Amino acid sequence: MIVVGLVACATDARFDTLDPTKRPIVDPPGLVTYTLGNGMHVALLRDPRARIASIDLRYEVGAADDPIRRSGLALTVAHVLVAAPFGDRGAGRPADVELTMKLEVDLDRTELTTTTLDLAAALELAARRLETTCSVLAPDLVATARRQAATQLSGMPTAFVAAIWGPTHPYAHGLGEPEADDPTTDAELCAFYSDHYTTDAATLVVTGAVEPDLLSRIRSRFERIPRGHARARSPIPAVVPTTERRRAVVWGLAKPTAVVAFPAPAPGDQDDVTLDLAVRRLGAWEPKLHVAVVGGRRGRALVLGLEADTEAGLARAHELLQAALARAHVVDDDYAAETTPDDQLVEAQELDDPLERGGAIADLVASGRKPELLRRVRAFADADTPRRWIRDHLTTQPARMLDLVPAKPGDGVSIEGLARPAESSERDLPIANPDAAIAAARPLDRPVSEDTLLIACL
């Protein structure tokens, strides 16, 4: 497989200067964060192993911010940003030098990620996106964006989210239907765009073998972009405990399920990794226990459930669920024998996948939390941490108790299958001019490893 990859690269003019030698990494990544005068957050992660830069442009807006009865605005605008001609400079826009582009939209954020050999051009593309105004919302472009967005709809049914969070909660919004019968007016779309796609609601993350002067170059280009004033976002209330069970009909659910839901840390919170490790422990400890984490990037709920054969059996399922929860934090000799601190450290490290870390860093920076990824990994090598977290946050805390009833029994999935966050993801967006991309990309003047060569060829 490696030989094939190297041969493929050898035929590409971009790789003439590559030295396919694997070299040891002697210096750890260094993360620098900065807030520009116009309110934009910047994070630079130096990774000497990387020879292809990754540029993440994050806007703090998603489906949860869509106005009532105007679903699909965030999804539509995201696709406009991908295709927009960027004003009078459209003919020469630097999109021609992109290697790969990815668009992701979920309940809480819109993120455009570019991986490229030409960092300068990719940064210019991000700057021009931030400089766009309502003038890009031309009717033909908006119509095309809506059609494209409609093909990207995915995620959990809103009935499940509404049962967990409540029907009026912002997370009960779906990504929406961009082709609604009551279309959004130009004025509404412009107001939404102006309220949310501003510099003070944006985060720029650059990862790779960044040069020492990159921050000053970013400041020189991006700080002159006028500051916007993002509209305050709706708060994300935690799940509300109940004193008695509530019944909810859920489309897509396979069997009646007794459920309890607890507030859970959002991604980037101090103990978010502990939550992930606790979920793994709960799932491994009791095979019949269904475990799901439901929500978005500003708030989550940990949902535990036991299935019943019929709706009449839900009362008994709740009793068994409470009994299982009461002993979930107790030391399990079999589990303890199979799970060591080293195992948990490996599990925690998996959560910091370098291919996705730009988005993870943007989560931390945008939320104002200190993004020390290595500290977060080391903090959870303690094998007792998940068990202690279960004891402190689940066994002694009130929960939201629900009887979930399938709309069509037997024709669906368990709660884990319904818990995938609503999102739209489109990868490998088409390059405007592939030939120009290869010609414009500057040759690399530093050696790389075989692994980096393979990634570059993808």
Protein backbone atom coordinates (compact mmCIF):
# COMPACT_ATOMS: atom_id res chain seq x y z
CA MET A 1 0.00 0.00 0.00
CA ILE A 2 2.86 2.38 0.84
CA VAL A 3 4.64 1.65 -2.43
CA VAL A 4 1.52 2.45 -4.40
CA GLY A 5 1.13 5.73 -2.53
CA LEU A 6 4.72 6.75 -3.13
CA VAL A 7 4.52 5.95 -6.83
CA ALA A 8 1.35 8.00 -7.14
CA CYS A 9 3.04 10.96 -5.45
CA ALA A 10 6.14 10.65 -7.63
CA THR A 11 4.12 11.55 -10.69
CA ASP A 12 2.91 14.82 -9.18
CA ALA A 13 5.04 17.95 -9.62
CA ARG A 14 4.10 19.13 -6.16
CA PHE A 15 6.18 16.36 -4.58
CA ASP A 16 9.49 16.80 -6.44
CA THR A 17 11.28 18.11 -3.35
CA LEU A 18 9.97 15.55 -0.84
CA ASP A 19 12.52 13.51 1.05
CA PRO A 20 10.66 10.29 1.99
CA THR A 21 12.59 9.76 5.21
CA LYS A 22 10.89 9.06 8.53
CA ARG A 23 12.45 11.26 11.19
CA PRO A 24 11.85 11.29 14.94
CA ILE A 25 9.71 14.03 16.43
CA VAL A 26 11.77 15.74 19.12
CA ASP A 27 9.66 18.79 20.02
CA PRO A 28 6.03 18.59 21.18
CA PRO A 29 3.27 20.66 19.57
CA GLY A 30 3.00 24.23 20.83
CA LEU A 31 -0.40 25.94 20.93
CA VAL A 32 -0.69 29.73 20.73
CA THR A 33 -4.02 31.56 21.15
CA TYR A 34 -4.83 35.18 20.47
CA THR A 35 -7.87 37.46 20.19
CA LEU A 36 -7.70 40.10 17.46
CA GLY A 37 -8.91 43.65 17.89
CA ASN A 38 -12.06 42.85 15.89
CA GLY A 39 -13.00 40.08 18.32
CA MET A 40 -11.91 37.11 16.22
CA HIS A 41 -10.22 34.22 18.05
CA VAL A 42 -7.06 32.70 16.56
CA ALA A 43 -5.32 29.48 17.57
CA LEU A 44 -2.10 28.15 16.06
CA LEU A 45 -0.94 24.60 16.75
CA ARG A 46 2.61 23.91 15.69
CA ASP A 47 3.06 20.30 14.62
CA PRO A 48 6.48 19.67 13.03
CA ARG A 49 5.22 16.35 11.63
CA ALA A 50 2.66 18.03 9.38
CA ARG A 51 3.56 19.27 5.93
CA ILE A 52 0.02 19.96 4.81
CA ALA A 53 -1.68 22.78 6.70
CA SER A 54 -5.21 22.55 8.06
CA ILE A 55 -7.23 25.76 8.35
CA ASP A 56 -10.49 25.67 10.30
CA LEU A 57 -12.83 28.66 10.08
CA ARG A 58 -15.52 28.28 12.72
CA TYR A 59 -18.69 30.37 13.09
CA GLU A 60 -20.63 30.08 16.34
CA VAL A 61 -23.99 29.49 14.69
CA GLY A 62 -25.96 26.36 13.93
CA ALA A 63 -29.44 24.90 13.63
CA ALA A 64 -30.24 25.77 17.26
CA ASP A 65 -29.99 29.44 16.24
CA ASP A 66 -32.55 29.17 13.44
CA PRO A 67 -35.59 31.37 14.13
CA ILE A 68 -38.86 29.63 14.94
CA ARG A 69 -40.63 28.51 11.75
CA ARG A 70 -37.56 29.46 9.74
CA SER A 71 -35.56 26.25 9.98
CA GLY A 72 -32.70 25.66 7.59
CA LEU A 73 -31.18 29.15 7.59
CA ALA A 74 -27.83 28.11 9.10
CA LEU A 75 -27.55 25.20 6.70
CA THR A 76 -28.38 27.37 3.68
CA VAL A 77 -25.93 30.14 4.60
CA ALA A 78 -23.16 27.58 5.11
CA HIS A 79 -23.55 26.37 1.53
CA VAL A 80 -23.66 29.97 0.31
CA LEU A 81 -20.29 30.57 2.00
CA VAL A 82 -18.83 27.60 0.13
CA ALA A 83 -20.03 28.78 -3.26
CA ALA A 84 -20.01 32.58 -2.83
CA PRO A 85 -17.98 34.54 -5.41
CA PHE A 86 -16.64 36.90 -2.67
CA GLY A 87 -17.59 40.21 -4.20
CA ASP A 88 -15.70 41.81 -7.04
CA ARG A 89 -12.69 39.51 -6.62
CA GLY A 90 -14.53 36.33 -7.56
CA ALA A 91 -12.56 35.66 -10.75
CA GLY A 92 -9.32 35.34 -8.85
CA ARG A 93 -10.53 33.84 -5.62
CA PRO A 94 -7.96 31.58 -4.01
CA ALA A 95 -10.31 28.60 -3.94
CA ASP A 96 -8.38 27.44 -6.98
CA VAL A 97 -5.52 26.34 -4.75
CA GLU A 98 -7.51 24.24 -2.30
CA LEU A 99 -6.61 20.57 -2.06
CA THR A 100 -9.49 19.42 0.11
CA MET A 101 -12.39 21.24 1.72
CA LYS A 102 -14.90 20.05 4.30
CA LEU A 103 -18.11 21.72 5.47
CA GLU A 104 -19.83 20.72 8.70
CA VAL A 105 -22.97 22.20 10.23
CA ASP A 106 -24.61 20.99 13.41
CA LEU A 107 -26.82 22.34 16.18
CA ASP A 108 -24.22 24.80 17.44
CA ARG A 109 -21.61 25.64 14.84
CA THR A 110 -20.64 25.99 11.21
CA GLU A 111 -17.14 24.95 10.27
CA LEU A 112 -15.24 25.13 7.01
CA THR A 113 -11.95 23.21 6.96
CA THR A 114 -9.34 23.45 4.24
CA THR A 115 -6.27 21.23 3.93
CA THR A 116 -3.73 22.63 1.55
CA LEU A 117 -0.10 22.97 0.55
CA ASP A 118 -0.56 26.72 0.01
CA LEU A 119 -1.24 28.15 3.46
CA ALA A 120 -1.14 31.78 2.33
CA ALA A 121 -3.86 31.26 -0.28
CA ALA A 122 -6.06 29.29 2.12
CA LEU A 123 -5.80 32.05 4.73
CA GLU A 124 -6.76 34.60 2.10
CA LEU A 125 -9.81 32.51 1.27
CA ALA A 126 -10.82 32.50 4.94
CA ALA A 127 -10.31 36.27 5.14
CA ARG A 128 -12.53 36.87 2.11
CA ARG A 129 -15.27 34.71 3.62
CA LEU A 130 -15.15 36.88 6.74
CA GLU A 131 -15.36 40.01 4.57
CA THR A 132 -18.53 38.92 2.78
CA THR A 133 -21.75 40.88 3.21
CA CYS A 134 -25.39 40.33 2.32
CA SER A 135 -24.47 41.15 -1.27
CA VAL A 136 -23.43 37.50 -1.73
CA LEU A 137 -27.00 36.33 -1.01
CA ALA A 138 -28.08 36.54 -4.63
CA PRO A 139 -31.34 34.66 -5.36
CA ASP A 140 -29.75 32.18 -7.77
CA LEU A 141 -26.89 31.40 -5.38
CA VAL A 142 -29.28 30.97 -2.44
CA ALA A 143 -31.50 28.66 -4.48
CA THR A 144 -28.49 26.52 -5.43
CA ALA A 145 -27.33 26.45 -1.80
CA ARG A 146 -30.75 25.30 -0.62
CA ARG A 147 -30.81 22.46 -3.12
CA GLN A 148 -27.32 21.40 -2.08
CA ALA A 149 -28.16 21.66 1.62
CA ALA A 150 -31.25 19.50 1.19
CA THR A 151 -29.05 16.59 0.10
CA GLN A 152 -26.98 16.84 3.30
CA LEU A 153 -29.70 16.54 5.94
CA SER A 154 -28.99 13.87 8.53
CA GLY A 155 -29.12 13.20 12.24
CA MET A 156 -31.47 12.21 14.98
CA PRO A 157 -35.27 12.52 14.70
CA THR A 158 -36.50 15.61 16.53
CA ALA A 159 -39.03 13.52 18.49
CA PHE A 160 -36.23 11.89 20.47
CA VAL A 161 -34.52 15.21 21.22
CA ALA A 162 -37.83 16.81 22.18
CA ALA A 163 -38.49 13.99 24.66
CA ILE A 164 -35.09 14.43 26.31
CA TRP A 165 -34.80 18.22 26.23
CA GLY A 166 -38.40 19.39 25.87
CA PRO A 167 -40.27 20.46 22.71
CA THR A 168 -39.41 24.19 23.02
CA HIS A 169 -35.70 23.68 23.71
CA PRO A 170 -33.27 25.06 21.08
CA TYR A 171 -31.87 21.56 20.63
CA ALA A 172 -35.29 20.33 19.57
CA HIS A 173 -34.60 22.12 16.27
CA GLY A 174 -33.62 19.92 13.39
CA LEU A 175 -31.24 21.09 10.73
CA GLY A 176 -34.42 22.12 8.99
CA GLU A 177 -35.87 21.82 5.55
CA PRO A 178 -34.31 24.44 3.26
CA GLU A 179 -37.09 23.94 0.68
CA ALA A 180 -39.90 24.97 3.06
CA ASP A 181 -43.32 25.93 1.68
CA ASP A 182 -42.97 29.34 3.36
CA PRO A 183 -39.56 30.44 2.10
CA THR A 184 -37.40 32.92 3.92
CA THR A 185 -37.43 36.46 2.54
CA ASP A 186 -34.26 38.22 1.40
CA ALA A 187 -34.52 40.58 4.38
CA GLU A 188 -34.82 37.71 6.87
CA LEU A 189 -31.86 35.88 5.36
CA CYS A 190 -29.73 39.05 5.41
CA ALA A 191 -30.66 39.77 9.03
CA PHE A 192 -29.73 36.24 10.06
CA TYR A 193 -26.44 36.48 8.18
CA SER A 194 -25.55 39.87 9.69
CA ASP A 195 -26.44 38.72 13.21
CA HIS A 196 -24.32 35.57 13.29
CA TYR A 197 -21.53 35.53 10.69
CA THR A 198 -19.28 38.19 12.23
CA THR A 199 -15.67 38.39 13.31
CA ASP A 200 -16.53 38.28 17.02
CA ALA A 201 -18.37 34.99 16.42
CA ALA A 202 -15.51 33.44 14.44
CA THR A 203 -12.52 31.31 15.36
CA LEU A 204 -9.58 30.60 13.04
CA VAL A 205 -7.45 27.53 13.83
CA VAL A 206 -4.30 26.74 11.86
CA THR A 207 -2.46 23.47 12.48
CA GLY A 208 0.74 22.33 10.84
CA ALA A 209 4.42 23.20 10.73
CA VAL A 210 3.58 26.89 11.11
CA GLU A 211 6.30 29.50 10.80
CA PRO A 212 7.20 31.78 13.75
CA ASP A 213 5.89 34.88 11.98
CA LEU A 214 2.50 33.39 11.08
CA LEU A 215 0.63 35.10 13.91
CA SER A 216 1.87 38.52 12.83
CA ARG A 217 0.86 37.75 9.24
CA ILE A 218 -2.61 36.72 10.39
CA ARG A 219 -2.95 39.89 12.46
CA SER A 220 -1.90 42.02 9.49
CA ARG A 221 -4.54 40.47 7.19
CA PHE A 222 -7.45 39.65 9.49
CA GLU A 223 -7.38 42.51 11.98
CA ARG A 224 -8.35 45.00 9.30
CA ILE A 225 -11.64 43.18 8.70
CA PRO A 226 -14.36 45.33 10.32
CA ARG A 227 -15.66 44.07 13.64
CA GLY A 228 -19.20 42.76 13.66
CA HIS A 229 -21.53 42.49 16.62
CA ALA A 230 -22.92 39.01 16.88
CA ARG A 231 -26.40 38.61 18.26
CA ALA A 232 -26.56 36.98 21.69
CA ARG A 233 -27.38 33.29 21.36
CA SER A 234 -30.25 31.58 23.10
CA PRO A 235 -29.06 29.88 26.30
CA ILE A 236 -28.96 26.10 26.42
CA PRO A 237 -30.86 25.01 29.54
CA ALA A 238 -29.88 21.73 31.14
CA VAL A 239 -32.29 18.79 31.06
CA VAL A 240 -35.01 19.26 33.67
CA PRO A 241 -35.44 16.44 36.25
CA THR A 242 -38.92 15.05 36.81
CA THR A 243 -40.56 13.58 39.90
CA GLU A 244 -42.62 11.10 37.90
CA ARG A 245 -42.28 9.33 34.58
CA ARG A 246 -43.40 11.11 31.44
CA ARG A 247 -44.54 9.35 28.29
CA ALA A 248 -43.29 10.32 24.85
CA VAL A 249 -43.84 8.78 21.43
CA VAL A 250 -40.59 8.58 19.47
CA TRP A 251 -40.32 7.93 15.74
CA GLY A 252 -37.45 5.62 14.88
CA LEU A 253 -37.39 3.81 18.24
CA ALA A 254 -37.53 0.01 18.05
CA LYS A 255 -38.87 -1.02 21.48
CA PRO A 256 -40.49 0.64 24.53
CA THR A 257 -37.62 1.98 26.63
CA ALA A 258 -37.40 3.14 30.25
CA VAL A 259 -35.07 6.14 30.29
CA VAL A 260 -33.36 8.40 32.80
CA ALA A 261 -31.45 11.48 31.61
CA PHE A 262 -28.85 13.52 33.50
CA PRO A 263 -27.06 16.79 32.72
CA ALA A 264 -23.63 16.03 31.25
CA PRO A 265 -20.55 18.16 30.55
CA ALA A 266 -20.32 19.76 27.14
CA PRO A 267 -17.32 19.13 24.88
CA GLY A 268 -14.38 21.09 26.26
CA ASP A 269 -15.63 21.15 29.85
CA GLN A 270 -13.16 20.15 32.52
CA ASP A 271 -14.54 16.63 32.87
CA ASP A 272 -15.76 15.94 29.35
CA VAL A 273 -13.18 13.19 28.85
CA THR A 274 -14.33 11.62 32.11
CA LEU A 275 -17.84 11.48 30.69
CA ASP A 276 -16.61 9.59 27.63
CA LEU A 277 -14.71 7.12 29.79
CA ALA A 278 -17.73 6.72 32.10
CA VAL A 279 -19.93 5.95 29.08
CA ARG A 280 -17.50 3.21 28.04
CA ARG A 281 -17.52 1.79 31.56
CA LEU A 282 -21.32 1.78 31.77
CA GLY A 283 -21.66 0.10 28.39
CA ALA A 284 -19.11 -2.58 29.21
CA TRP A 285 -20.38 -3.17 32.74
CA GLU A 286 -24.03 -3.97 31.93
CA PRO A 287 -24.73 -5.38 28.44
CA LYS A 288 -28.48 -4.72 28.62
CA LEU A 289 -27.99 -1.09 29.60
CA HIS A 290 -28.33 1.34 26.69
CA VAL A 291 -26.14 4.42 27.00
CA ALA A 292 -26.32 7.53 24.84
CA VAL A 293 -24.99 11.08 25.00
CA VAL A 294 -27.50 13.49 23.50
CA GLY A 295 -27.17 17.17 22.70
CA GLY A 296 -24.76 19.59 21.10
CA ARG A 297 -21.56 21.49 21.76
CA ARG A 298 -23.04 23.82 24.38
CA GLY A 299 -24.79 21.21 26.46
CA ARG A 300 -25.31 17.47 26.62
CA ALA A 301 -27.38 14.89 28.47
CA LEU A 302 -26.34 11.39 29.46
CA VAL A 303 -29.25 9.05 28.72
CA LEU A 304 -29.49 5.55 30.21
CA GLY A 305 -32.21 3.13 29.17
CA LEU A 306 -33.55 -0.40 29.50
CA GLU A 307 -35.84 -1.86 26.86
CA ALA A 308 -39.12 -3.66 27.58
CA ASP A 309 -41.04 -6.05 25.36
CA THR A 310 -44.27 -4.08 25.79
CA GLU A 311 -45.29 -0.69 27.11
CA ALA A 312 -46.83 -2.43 30.15
CA GLY A 313 -43.37 -3.66 31.10
CA LEU A 314 -41.86 -0.17 31.39
CA ALA A 315 -42.60 0.10 35.13
CA ARG A 316 -40.53 -3.00 35.83
CA ALA A 317 -37.83 -1.76 33.46
CA HIS A 318 -37.57 1.44 35.49
CA GLU A 319 -37.13 -0.56 38.69
CA LEU A 320 -34.32 -2.58 37.14
CA LEU A 321 -32.76 0.57 35.73
CA GLN A 322 -32.68 2.24 39.15
CA ALA A 323 -31.19 -0.89 40.73
CA ALA A 324 -28.48 -1.04 38.06
CA LEU A 325 -27.71 2.64 38.50
CA ALA A 326 -27.40 2.28 42.28
CA ARG A 327 -24.54 -0.18 41.90
CA ALA A 328 -22.94 1.20 38.75
CA HIS A 329 -20.13 2.93 40.64
CA VAL A 330 -19.23 -0.10 42.76
CA VAL A 331 -15.90 -1.72 41.95
CA ASP A 332 -16.39 -4.56 39.52
CA ASP A 333 -13.54 -7.05 39.86
CA ASP A 334 -13.87 -8.30 36.30
CA TYR A 335 -13.97 -4.77 34.88
CA ALA A 336 -11.10 -3.58 37.08
CA ALA A 337 -8.98 -6.53 35.99
CA GLU A 338 -9.53 -5.69 32.32
CA THR A 339 -9.13 -1.90 32.57
CA THR A 340 -5.82 -0.42 33.67
CA PRO A 341 -4.69 3.21 33.91
CA ASP A 342 -2.64 2.67 30.75
CA ASP A 343 -5.77 1.47 28.93
CA GLN A 344 -7.66 4.58 29.96
CA LEU A 345 -4.81 6.84 28.92
CA VAL A 346 -4.91 5.27 25.45
CA GLU A 347 -8.69 5.79 25.35
CA ALA A 348 -8.27 9.45 26.31
CA GLN A 349 -5.57 9.98 23.68
CA GLU A 350 -7.91 8.64 21.02
CA LEU A 351 -10.18 11.59 21.74
CA ASP A 352 -7.47 13.98 20.51
CA ASP A 353 -7.26 12.65 16.94
CA PRO A 354 -4.83 14.95 15.08
CA LEU A 355 -6.98 14.80 11.95
CA GLU A 356 -9.89 16.35 13.88
CA ARG A 357 -8.06 18.46 16.42
CA GLY A 358 -8.60 21.76 14.61
CA GLY A 359 -12.30 21.52 15.41
CA ALA A 360 -11.56 20.36 18.95
CA ILE A 361 -9.28 23.34 19.53
CA ALA A 362 -11.91 25.68 18.10
CA ASP A 363 -14.41 24.29 20.61
CA LEU A 364 -12.10 25.11 23.48
CA VAL A 365 -11.01 28.53 22.24
CA ALA A 366 -14.50 29.72 21.30
CA SER A 367 -15.86 28.69 24.71
CA GLY A 368 -13.09 30.54 26.53
CA ARG A 369 -11.63 27.39 28.08
CA LYS A 370 -7.91 26.81 28.35
CA PRO A 371 -6.98 24.46 25.50
CA GLU A 372 -4.30 22.31 27.09
CA LEU A 373 -4.93 19.06 25.27
CA LEU A 374 -2.06 17.14 26.83
CA ARG A 375 -3.16 18.18 30.31
CA ARG A 376 -6.64 16.88 29.61
CA VAL A 377 -5.25 13.55 28.40
CA ARG A 378 -2.97 13.05 31.40
CA ALA A 379 -5.68 14.03 33.87
CA PHE A 380 -7.70 10.91 33.22
CA ALA A 381 -5.09 8.18 33.54
CA ASP A 382 -6.56 7.50 36.98
CA ALA A 383 -8.57 4.27 36.66
CA ASP A 384 -10.88 5.34 39.49
CA THR A 385 -12.02 8.60 37.82
CA PRO A 386 -14.97 7.25 35.74
CA ARG A 387 -16.32 5.26 38.66
CA ARG A 388 -16.09 8.27 40.97
CA TRP A 389 -17.80 10.47 38.36
CA ILE A 390 -20.68 7.98 38.05
CA ARG A 391 -21.11 8.00 41.82
CA ASP A 392 -21.06 11.80 42.13
CA HIS A 393 -23.15 12.69 39.07
CA LEU A 394 -25.56 9.81 38.54
CA THR A 395 -26.31 7.74 41.61
CA THR A 396 -27.00 10.72 43.90
CA GLN A 397 -28.55 13.21 41.46
CA PRO A 398 -32.17 13.67 40.29
CA ALA A 399 -32.94 12.63 36.72
CA ARG A 400 -35.48 13.18 33.99
CA MET A 401 -37.57 9.98 33.90
CA LEU A 402 -39.23 9.03 30.65
CA ASP A 403 -41.25 6.23 29.09
CA LEU A 404 -40.26 6.24 25.43
CA VAL A 405 -42.76 4.47 23.20
CA PRO A 406 -42.03 3.68 19.54
CA ALA A 407 -44.38 5.18 16.98
CA LYS A 408 -44.06 1.97 14.95
CA PRO A 409 -43.01 -0.93 17.22
CA GLY A 410 -40.24 -3.12 15.86
CA ASP A 411 -39.39 -0.74 13.05
CA GLY A 412 -36.46 1.22 14.42
CA VAL A 413 -33.29 1.28 16.53
CA SER A 414 -32.24 1.66 20.16
CA ILE A 415 -31.55 5.01 21.82
CA GLU A 416 -27.87 4.82 20.80
CA GLY A 417 -28.97 4.82 17.18
CA LEU A 418 -31.09 7.92 17.76
CA ALA A 419 -28.41 9.86 19.62
CA ARG A 420 -26.23 10.87 16.68
CA PRO A 421 -26.16 14.68 16.70
CA ALA A 422 -28.01 16.39 13.90
CA GLU A 423 -25.38 17.52 11.43
CA SER A 424 -24.63 18.10 7.80
CA SER A 425 -21.19 17.08 6.60
CA GLU A 426 -19.79 17.34 3.10
CA ARG A 427 -16.20 16.41 2.39
CA ASP A 428 -13.94 16.68 -0.61
CA LEU A 429 -15.82 19.59 -2.09
CA PRO A 430 -14.95 20.09 -5.77
CA ILE A 431 -11.92 22.22 -6.63
CA ALA A 432 -12.67 25.04 -9.02
CA ASN A 433 -9.60 24.38 -11.15
CA PRO A 434 -7.55 21.29 -10.22
CA ASP A 435 -4.85 22.03 -12.79
CA ALA A 436 -4.36 25.52 -11.37
CA ALA A 437 -4.22 24.04 -7.88
CA ILE A 438 -1.27 21.81 -8.78
CA ALA A 439 0.53 24.58 -10.64
CA ALA A 440 0.02 27.16 -7.89
CA ALA A 441 1.07 24.98 -4.96
CA ARG A 442 4.60 25.81 -3.85
CA PRO A 443 7.00 22.83 -3.58
CA LEU A 444 7.79 21.72 -0.05
CA ASP A 445 11.28 22.52 1.16
CA ARG A 446 11.29 20.22 4.20
CA PRO A 447 11.45 16.42 4.45
CA VAL A 448 8.38 14.48 5.42
CA SER A 449 7.63 10.93 6.50
CA GLU A 450 6.04 8.11 4.53
CA ASP A 451 2.85 8.62 6.52
CA THR A 452 2.65 12.26 5.49
CA LEU A 453 3.23 11.30 1.87
CA LEU A 454 0.28 8.95 1.95
CA ILE A 455 -1.96 11.60 3.49
CA ALA A 456 -0.84 14.10 0.87
CA CYS A 457 -1.79 11.73 -1.92
CA LEU A 458 -5.34 11.20 -0.66
